[in-house]
N, C-alpha and C. Protein backbone atom coordinates (compact mmCIF):
# COMPACT_ATOMS: atom_id res chain seq x y z
N MET A 1 -7.27 -29.84 -43.97
CA MET A 1 -7.11 -31.36 -44.23
C MET A 1 -8.42 -31.93 -44.60
N SER A 2 -8.44 -32.75 -45.70
CA SER A 2 -9.66 -33.31 -46.08
C SER A 2 -9.97 -34.66 -45.26
N VAL A 3 -11.16 -35.08 -45.24
CA VAL A 3 -11.54 -36.32 -44.50
C VAL A 3 -10.72 -37.48 -45.26
N LEU A 4 -10.63 -37.54 -46.53
CA LEU A 4 -9.91 -38.61 -47.23
C LEU A 4 -8.46 -38.63 -46.83
N MET A 5 -7.89 -37.50 -46.64
CA MET A 5 -6.43 -37.43 -46.29
C MET A 5 -6.27 -37.89 -44.79
N LEU A 6 -7.18 -37.48 -43.90
CA LEU A 6 -7.06 -37.92 -42.52
C LEU A 6 -7.25 -39.40 -42.48
N LYS A 7 -8.18 -39.94 -43.21
CA LYS A 7 -8.46 -41.39 -43.22
C LYS A 7 -7.25 -42.13 -43.72
N SER A 8 -6.62 -41.58 -44.80
CA SER A 8 -5.43 -42.24 -45.45
C SER A 8 -4.26 -42.19 -44.49
N ILE A 9 -4.08 -41.12 -43.78
CA ILE A 9 -2.99 -41.02 -42.74
C ILE A 9 -3.14 -42.02 -41.63
N LEU A 10 -4.44 -42.12 -41.14
CA LEU A 10 -4.75 -43.01 -40.03
C LEU A 10 -4.53 -44.41 -40.55
N THR A 11 -4.92 -44.74 -41.70
CA THR A 11 -4.75 -46.14 -42.24
C THR A 11 -3.31 -46.46 -42.40
N THR A 12 -2.47 -45.50 -42.83
CA THR A 12 -1.00 -45.70 -42.93
C THR A 12 -0.47 -45.99 -41.51
N VAL A 13 -0.86 -45.34 -40.61
CA VAL A 13 -0.39 -45.51 -39.15
C VAL A 13 -0.84 -46.89 -38.75
N VAL A 14 -1.90 -47.33 -39.01
CA VAL A 14 -2.49 -48.66 -38.67
C VAL A 14 -1.59 -49.71 -39.39
N LEU A 15 -1.20 -49.50 -40.57
CA LEU A 15 -0.30 -50.43 -41.37
C LEU A 15 1.06 -50.49 -40.73
N ILE A 16 1.60 -49.37 -40.30
CA ILE A 16 2.96 -49.36 -39.59
C ILE A 16 2.80 -50.04 -38.24
N VAL A 17 1.78 -49.84 -37.50
CA VAL A 17 1.65 -50.46 -36.23
C VAL A 17 1.43 -51.98 -36.48
N ALA A 18 0.67 -52.37 -37.51
CA ALA A 18 0.48 -53.85 -37.81
C ALA A 18 1.87 -54.50 -38.21
N MET A 19 2.74 -53.73 -38.82
CA MET A 19 4.07 -54.34 -39.15
C MET A 19 4.84 -54.55 -37.89
N GLY A 20 4.83 -53.61 -36.98
CA GLY A 20 5.44 -53.70 -35.69
C GLY A 20 4.83 -54.92 -34.87
N GLN A 21 3.54 -54.98 -34.96
CA GLN A 21 2.79 -56.11 -34.26
C GLN A 21 3.26 -57.48 -34.82
N SER A 22 3.37 -57.53 -36.14
CA SER A 22 3.79 -58.82 -36.74
C SER A 22 5.24 -59.15 -36.25
N ILE A 23 6.19 -58.32 -36.31
CA ILE A 23 7.51 -58.56 -35.88
C ILE A 23 7.61 -58.85 -34.41
N SER A 24 6.91 -58.12 -33.56
CA SER A 24 6.98 -58.35 -32.11
C SER A 24 6.25 -59.70 -31.80
N GLY A 25 5.13 -60.02 -32.51
CA GLY A 25 4.48 -61.25 -32.21
C GLY A 25 5.28 -62.38 -32.59
N LEU A 26 5.99 -62.40 -33.78
CA LEU A 26 6.83 -63.47 -34.11
C LEU A 26 8.02 -63.63 -33.24
N ARG A 27 8.60 -62.50 -32.72
CA ARG A 27 9.66 -62.62 -31.77
C ARG A 27 9.29 -63.11 -30.46
N LEU A 28 8.05 -62.83 -29.98
CA LEU A 28 7.59 -63.40 -28.73
C LEU A 28 7.27 -64.86 -28.83
N ARG A 29 6.91 -65.31 -30.09
CA ARG A 29 6.61 -66.81 -30.21
C ARG A 29 7.91 -67.60 -30.46
N GLY A 30 9.07 -66.98 -30.47
CA GLY A 30 10.35 -67.57 -30.60
C GLY A 30 10.91 -67.63 -32.07
N HIS A 31 10.23 -66.98 -33.01
CA HIS A 31 10.79 -66.78 -34.28
C HIS A 31 11.65 -65.54 -34.22
N PHE A 32 12.38 -65.19 -35.25
CA PHE A 32 13.24 -64.06 -35.32
C PHE A 32 14.17 -64.01 -34.04
N LYS A 33 14.83 -65.11 -33.73
CA LYS A 33 15.65 -65.16 -32.56
C LYS A 33 16.88 -64.21 -32.60
N ARG A 34 17.31 -63.96 -33.88
CA ARG A 34 18.51 -63.11 -34.01
C ARG A 34 18.15 -61.67 -33.99
N LEU A 35 16.87 -61.35 -33.96
CA LEU A 35 16.41 -59.89 -33.92
C LEU A 35 16.67 -59.42 -32.48
N PRO A 36 17.46 -58.37 -32.43
CA PRO A 36 17.91 -57.84 -31.08
C PRO A 36 16.77 -57.05 -30.33
N LEU A 37 15.61 -57.70 -30.11
CA LEU A 37 14.56 -57.06 -29.39
C LEU A 37 14.46 -57.63 -27.99
N PRO A 38 14.50 -56.95 -26.91
CA PRO A 38 14.44 -57.49 -25.57
C PRO A 38 13.08 -58.02 -25.31
N LEU A 39 12.95 -59.23 -24.70
CA LEU A 39 11.63 -59.76 -24.57
C LEU A 39 10.96 -59.15 -23.32
N ARG A 40 11.71 -58.43 -22.44
CA ARG A 40 11.20 -57.92 -21.15
C ARG A 40 9.97 -56.95 -21.36
N GLY A 41 10.12 -56.02 -22.16
CA GLY A 41 9.04 -55.05 -22.38
C GLY A 41 8.26 -55.26 -23.68
N LEU A 42 8.63 -56.28 -24.39
CA LEU A 42 8.00 -56.45 -25.78
C LEU A 42 6.51 -56.95 -25.70
N ARG A 43 6.27 -57.77 -24.72
CA ARG A 43 4.89 -58.33 -24.47
C ARG A 43 3.95 -57.11 -24.15
N THR A 44 4.37 -56.21 -23.31
CA THR A 44 3.56 -55.06 -22.94
C THR A 44 3.37 -54.08 -24.14
N TRP A 45 4.48 -53.91 -24.93
CA TRP A 45 4.41 -53.16 -26.10
C TRP A 45 3.49 -53.73 -27.14
N HIS A 46 3.55 -55.09 -27.37
CA HIS A 46 2.70 -55.68 -28.19
C HIS A 46 1.22 -55.58 -27.90
N ARG A 47 0.89 -55.69 -26.64
CA ARG A 47 -0.54 -55.61 -26.19
C ARG A 47 -0.98 -54.16 -26.33
N LEU A 48 -0.22 -53.20 -25.94
CA LEU A 48 -0.64 -51.76 -26.06
C LEU A 48 -0.75 -51.36 -27.45
N SER A 49 0.27 -51.69 -28.24
CA SER A 49 0.09 -51.28 -29.67
C SER A 49 -1.04 -51.99 -30.40
N GLY A 50 -1.33 -53.14 -30.01
CA GLY A 50 -2.51 -53.89 -30.58
C GLY A 50 -3.82 -53.16 -30.24
N ASP A 51 -3.91 -52.74 -28.89
CA ASP A 51 -5.09 -51.96 -28.50
C ASP A 51 -5.14 -50.67 -29.31
N ALA A 52 -4.00 -50.04 -29.55
CA ALA A 52 -4.00 -48.76 -30.38
C ALA A 52 -4.36 -49.01 -31.79
N ALA A 53 -3.91 -50.12 -32.35
CA ALA A 53 -4.28 -50.46 -33.69
C ALA A 53 -5.81 -50.72 -33.86
N LEU A 54 -6.32 -51.46 -32.90
CA LEU A 54 -7.82 -51.72 -32.90
C LEU A 54 -8.53 -50.40 -32.72
N LEU A 55 -8.17 -49.49 -31.85
CA LEU A 55 -8.83 -48.16 -31.61
C LEU A 55 -8.69 -47.35 -32.94
N LEU A 56 -7.52 -47.28 -33.53
CA LEU A 56 -7.41 -46.59 -34.84
C LEU A 56 -8.32 -47.14 -35.89
N THR A 57 -8.32 -48.49 -36.05
CA THR A 57 -9.18 -49.14 -37.06
C THR A 57 -10.58 -48.80 -36.91
N VAL A 58 -11.09 -48.86 -35.67
CA VAL A 58 -12.48 -48.46 -35.32
C VAL A 58 -12.73 -46.99 -35.71
N SER A 59 -11.78 -46.08 -35.43
CA SER A 59 -11.86 -44.75 -35.74
C SER A 59 -11.96 -44.53 -37.25
N VAL A 60 -11.17 -45.13 -37.95
CA VAL A 60 -11.17 -45.04 -39.40
C VAL A 60 -12.58 -45.58 -39.92
N ALA A 61 -12.97 -46.64 -39.42
CA ALA A 61 -14.31 -47.11 -39.84
C ALA A 61 -15.43 -46.19 -39.53
N PHE A 62 -15.29 -45.50 -38.34
CA PHE A 62 -16.36 -44.56 -37.98
C PHE A 62 -16.31 -43.37 -38.98
N ILE A 63 -15.12 -42.88 -39.38
CA ILE A 63 -15.01 -41.81 -40.34
C ILE A 63 -15.63 -42.23 -41.70
N CYS A 64 -15.40 -43.46 -42.06
CA CYS A 64 -15.81 -43.95 -43.38
C CYS A 64 -17.44 -44.05 -43.31
N VAL A 65 -17.97 -44.50 -42.21
CA VAL A 65 -19.41 -44.67 -42.22
C VAL A 65 -20.11 -43.26 -42.10
N THR A 66 -19.55 -42.42 -41.37
CA THR A 66 -20.30 -41.19 -41.04
C THR A 66 -19.94 -39.99 -41.95
N HIS A 67 -18.79 -39.89 -42.46
CA HIS A 67 -18.35 -38.73 -43.22
C HIS A 67 -18.32 -38.81 -44.78
N LEU A 68 -18.34 -40.02 -45.25
CA LEU A 68 -18.21 -40.23 -46.68
C LEU A 68 -19.54 -40.58 -47.29
N PRO A 69 -19.86 -39.98 -48.50
CA PRO A 69 -21.15 -40.22 -49.11
C PRO A 69 -21.35 -41.71 -49.67
N TYR A 70 -22.50 -42.03 -49.79
CA TYR A 70 -22.86 -43.36 -50.39
C TYR A 70 -23.10 -43.14 -51.85
N GLY A 71 -22.89 -44.16 -52.66
CA GLY A 71 -23.17 -44.04 -54.07
C GLY A 71 -22.62 -45.34 -54.80
N ALA A 72 -22.73 -45.26 -56.11
CA ALA A 72 -22.25 -46.40 -56.87
C ALA A 72 -20.71 -46.21 -57.07
N TYR A 73 -19.95 -47.19 -56.75
CA TYR A 73 -18.47 -47.07 -56.76
C TYR A 73 -17.98 -48.34 -57.57
N SER A 74 -16.68 -48.25 -57.85
CA SER A 74 -16.04 -49.33 -58.49
C SER A 74 -15.91 -50.47 -57.45
N LEU A 75 -15.30 -51.62 -57.90
CA LEU A 75 -15.16 -52.79 -57.02
C LEU A 75 -14.17 -52.45 -55.90
N ARG A 76 -13.31 -51.48 -56.03
CA ARG A 76 -12.34 -51.12 -55.02
C ARG A 76 -13.01 -50.80 -53.71
N VAL A 77 -14.06 -50.11 -53.73
CA VAL A 77 -14.73 -49.61 -52.47
C VAL A 77 -15.37 -50.79 -51.64
N PRO A 78 -16.11 -51.67 -52.28
CA PRO A 78 -16.65 -52.75 -51.41
C PRO A 78 -15.56 -53.74 -50.95
N LEU A 79 -14.42 -53.91 -51.79
CA LEU A 79 -13.30 -54.73 -51.41
C LEU A 79 -12.70 -54.01 -50.09
N HIS A 80 -12.52 -52.73 -50.22
CA HIS A 80 -11.95 -52.00 -49.05
C HIS A 80 -12.82 -52.13 -47.83
N ALA A 81 -14.13 -52.04 -47.94
CA ALA A 81 -15.07 -52.11 -46.89
C ALA A 81 -14.94 -53.55 -46.30
N ALA A 82 -14.91 -54.54 -47.09
CA ALA A 82 -14.91 -55.93 -46.61
C ALA A 82 -13.59 -56.22 -45.86
N LEU A 83 -12.46 -55.72 -46.49
CA LEU A 83 -11.20 -56.00 -45.80
C LEU A 83 -11.10 -55.19 -44.47
N GLY A 84 -11.58 -53.99 -44.42
CA GLY A 84 -11.53 -53.26 -43.24
C GLY A 84 -12.38 -53.80 -42.15
N THR A 85 -13.59 -54.32 -42.53
CA THR A 85 -14.47 -55.02 -41.54
C THR A 85 -13.77 -56.33 -41.01
N LEU A 86 -13.13 -57.10 -41.85
CA LEU A 86 -12.44 -58.26 -41.60
C LEU A 86 -11.34 -57.99 -40.60
N ALA A 87 -10.54 -56.92 -40.89
CA ALA A 87 -9.43 -56.57 -40.02
C ALA A 87 -9.92 -56.22 -38.64
N ALA A 88 -10.98 -55.42 -38.55
CA ALA A 88 -11.42 -54.96 -37.25
C ALA A 88 -12.01 -56.16 -36.44
N ALA A 89 -12.71 -56.98 -37.15
CA ALA A 89 -13.34 -58.18 -36.46
C ALA A 89 -12.30 -59.12 -36.03
N VAL A 90 -11.36 -59.38 -36.78
CA VAL A 90 -10.27 -60.34 -36.26
C VAL A 90 -9.34 -59.72 -35.28
N MET A 91 -9.13 -58.45 -35.32
CA MET A 91 -8.42 -57.83 -34.20
C MET A 91 -9.23 -57.92 -32.89
N LEU A 92 -10.46 -57.70 -32.97
CA LEU A 92 -11.21 -57.82 -31.79
C LEU A 92 -11.25 -59.33 -31.26
N ALA A 93 -11.32 -60.20 -32.18
CA ALA A 93 -11.24 -61.70 -31.69
C ALA A 93 -9.85 -62.00 -31.07
N LYS A 94 -8.75 -61.40 -31.69
CA LYS A 94 -7.49 -61.60 -31.03
C LYS A 94 -7.47 -61.04 -29.67
N VAL A 95 -8.02 -59.86 -29.47
CA VAL A 95 -8.04 -59.26 -28.09
C VAL A 95 -8.87 -60.17 -27.18
N LEU A 96 -9.97 -60.62 -27.62
CA LEU A 96 -10.88 -61.42 -26.71
C LEU A 96 -10.12 -62.79 -26.37
N ILE A 97 -9.48 -63.38 -27.35
CA ILE A 97 -8.81 -64.65 -27.04
C ILE A 97 -7.62 -64.36 -26.06
N ALA A 98 -6.88 -63.37 -26.26
CA ALA A 98 -5.75 -63.09 -25.45
C ALA A 98 -6.08 -62.70 -23.94
N ARG A 99 -7.33 -62.16 -23.88
CA ARG A 99 -7.69 -61.70 -22.55
C ARG A 99 -8.71 -62.56 -21.81
N ARG A 100 -9.56 -63.25 -22.61
CA ARG A 100 -10.64 -63.98 -21.92
C ARG A 100 -10.61 -65.52 -22.19
N PHE A 101 -10.14 -65.91 -23.43
CA PHE A 101 -10.30 -67.28 -23.83
C PHE A 101 -8.85 -67.82 -24.19
N ARG A 102 -8.11 -67.90 -23.15
CA ARG A 102 -6.60 -68.16 -23.31
C ARG A 102 -6.34 -69.59 -23.81
N THR A 103 -7.38 -70.47 -23.73
CA THR A 103 -7.14 -71.83 -24.19
C THR A 103 -6.92 -71.88 -25.74
N TYR A 104 -7.38 -70.82 -26.40
CA TYR A 104 -7.26 -70.77 -27.91
C TYR A 104 -5.97 -69.93 -28.33
N LEU A 105 -5.07 -69.67 -27.46
CA LEU A 105 -3.94 -68.82 -27.74
C LEU A 105 -3.06 -69.33 -28.92
N ARG A 106 -3.13 -70.66 -29.12
CA ARG A 106 -2.28 -71.17 -30.28
C ARG A 106 -2.80 -70.71 -31.62
N ARG A 107 -4.03 -70.29 -31.68
CA ARG A 107 -4.64 -69.83 -32.94
C ARG A 107 -4.40 -68.36 -33.21
N VAL A 108 -3.80 -67.69 -32.28
CA VAL A 108 -3.59 -66.23 -32.39
C VAL A 108 -2.57 -65.84 -33.52
N THR A 109 -1.64 -66.71 -33.77
CA THR A 109 -0.69 -66.50 -34.81
C THR A 109 -1.37 -66.46 -36.18
N VAL A 110 -2.26 -67.41 -36.38
CA VAL A 110 -2.97 -67.45 -37.67
C VAL A 110 -3.89 -66.23 -37.79
N LEU A 111 -4.49 -65.81 -36.74
CA LEU A 111 -5.37 -64.71 -36.81
C LEU A 111 -4.51 -63.41 -36.98
N GLY A 112 -3.35 -63.37 -36.46
CA GLY A 112 -2.47 -62.29 -36.72
C GLY A 112 -2.10 -62.17 -38.22
N ALA A 113 -1.83 -63.26 -38.84
CA ALA A 113 -1.55 -63.27 -40.27
C ALA A 113 -2.75 -62.76 -41.12
N VAL A 114 -3.99 -63.21 -40.71
CA VAL A 114 -5.20 -62.74 -41.33
C VAL A 114 -5.32 -61.22 -41.15
N VAL A 115 -5.09 -60.76 -39.99
CA VAL A 115 -5.15 -59.25 -39.79
C VAL A 115 -4.10 -58.51 -40.63
N TRP A 116 -2.84 -59.07 -40.59
CA TRP A 116 -1.84 -58.44 -41.48
C TRP A 116 -2.23 -58.25 -42.93
N PHE A 117 -2.80 -59.44 -43.50
CA PHE A 117 -3.13 -59.33 -44.95
C PHE A 117 -4.42 -58.48 -45.16
N ALA A 118 -5.36 -58.52 -44.18
CA ALA A 118 -6.52 -57.69 -44.29
C ALA A 118 -6.14 -56.09 -44.21
N VAL A 119 -5.24 -55.86 -43.25
CA VAL A 119 -4.82 -54.43 -43.19
C VAL A 119 -4.10 -53.95 -44.45
N LEU A 120 -3.19 -54.81 -44.90
CA LEU A 120 -2.42 -54.49 -46.16
C LEU A 120 -3.35 -54.35 -47.34
N GLY A 121 -4.34 -55.21 -47.48
CA GLY A 121 -5.27 -55.09 -48.60
C GLY A 121 -6.21 -53.88 -48.42
N CYS A 122 -6.54 -53.54 -47.21
CA CYS A 122 -7.41 -52.34 -46.95
C CYS A 122 -6.60 -51.06 -47.22
N PHE A 123 -5.26 -51.08 -46.80
CA PHE A 123 -4.40 -49.97 -47.13
C PHE A 123 -4.25 -49.86 -48.67
N SER A 124 -4.08 -50.84 -49.32
CA SER A 124 -3.90 -50.83 -50.76
C SER A 124 -5.12 -50.31 -51.56
N ALA A 125 -6.29 -50.72 -51.00
CA ALA A 125 -7.49 -50.32 -51.66
C ALA A 125 -7.97 -48.95 -51.25
N SER A 126 -7.35 -48.29 -50.23
CA SER A 126 -7.83 -46.98 -49.86
C SER A 126 -6.66 -46.05 -49.74
N ALA A 127 -5.82 -46.10 -48.82
CA ALA A 127 -4.75 -45.06 -48.65
C ALA A 127 -3.79 -45.00 -49.85
N LEU A 128 -3.32 -46.15 -50.29
CA LEU A 128 -2.36 -46.23 -51.43
C LEU A 128 -3.08 -45.65 -52.65
N TRP A 129 -4.30 -46.06 -52.87
CA TRP A 129 -5.10 -45.46 -53.98
C TRP A 129 -5.15 -43.99 -53.85
N TYR A 130 -5.45 -43.42 -52.65
CA TYR A 130 -5.51 -42.03 -52.47
C TYR A 130 -4.21 -41.28 -52.73
N TYR A 131 -3.07 -41.92 -52.16
CA TYR A 131 -1.79 -41.24 -52.32
C TYR A 131 -1.40 -41.26 -53.82
N LEU A 132 -1.59 -42.26 -54.59
CA LEU A 132 -1.37 -42.31 -55.98
C LEU A 132 -2.24 -41.39 -56.76
N LEU A 133 -3.42 -41.20 -56.35
CA LEU A 133 -4.38 -40.30 -57.02
C LEU A 133 -4.05 -38.81 -56.80
N VAL A 134 -3.60 -38.49 -55.58
CA VAL A 134 -3.28 -37.09 -55.24
C VAL A 134 -2.00 -36.71 -55.76
N TRP A 135 -0.97 -37.64 -55.56
CA TRP A 135 0.44 -37.21 -55.94
C TRP A 135 0.69 -37.65 -57.31
């Protein structure tokens, strides 16, 4: 398995987890009331899967920085790097707000939307590009 394939698979997993995070976060906030998700274990699942998404995002960033060569690239690569950095930074901010600075919890929904679009853009600029290139 190549490094690019591993990175693309991990990025796809982060995207899937981010979709689950979005749905569970909206359900916890009172939206999607008709969605049959029990609230009892949803908060714990949301927190643990968020930690997993942050860990996977940092792992993908580590792979990018240490295993891929530097060089002159198209606009796709700096866009991918910027969106990946934004996603990781905002995920970390969400974790810090949820655990240490709870007075700012009302802003977490906006940060979640920023993370979702950053992960989606990063996926489109990296993993989707790789999948379309290989297949």
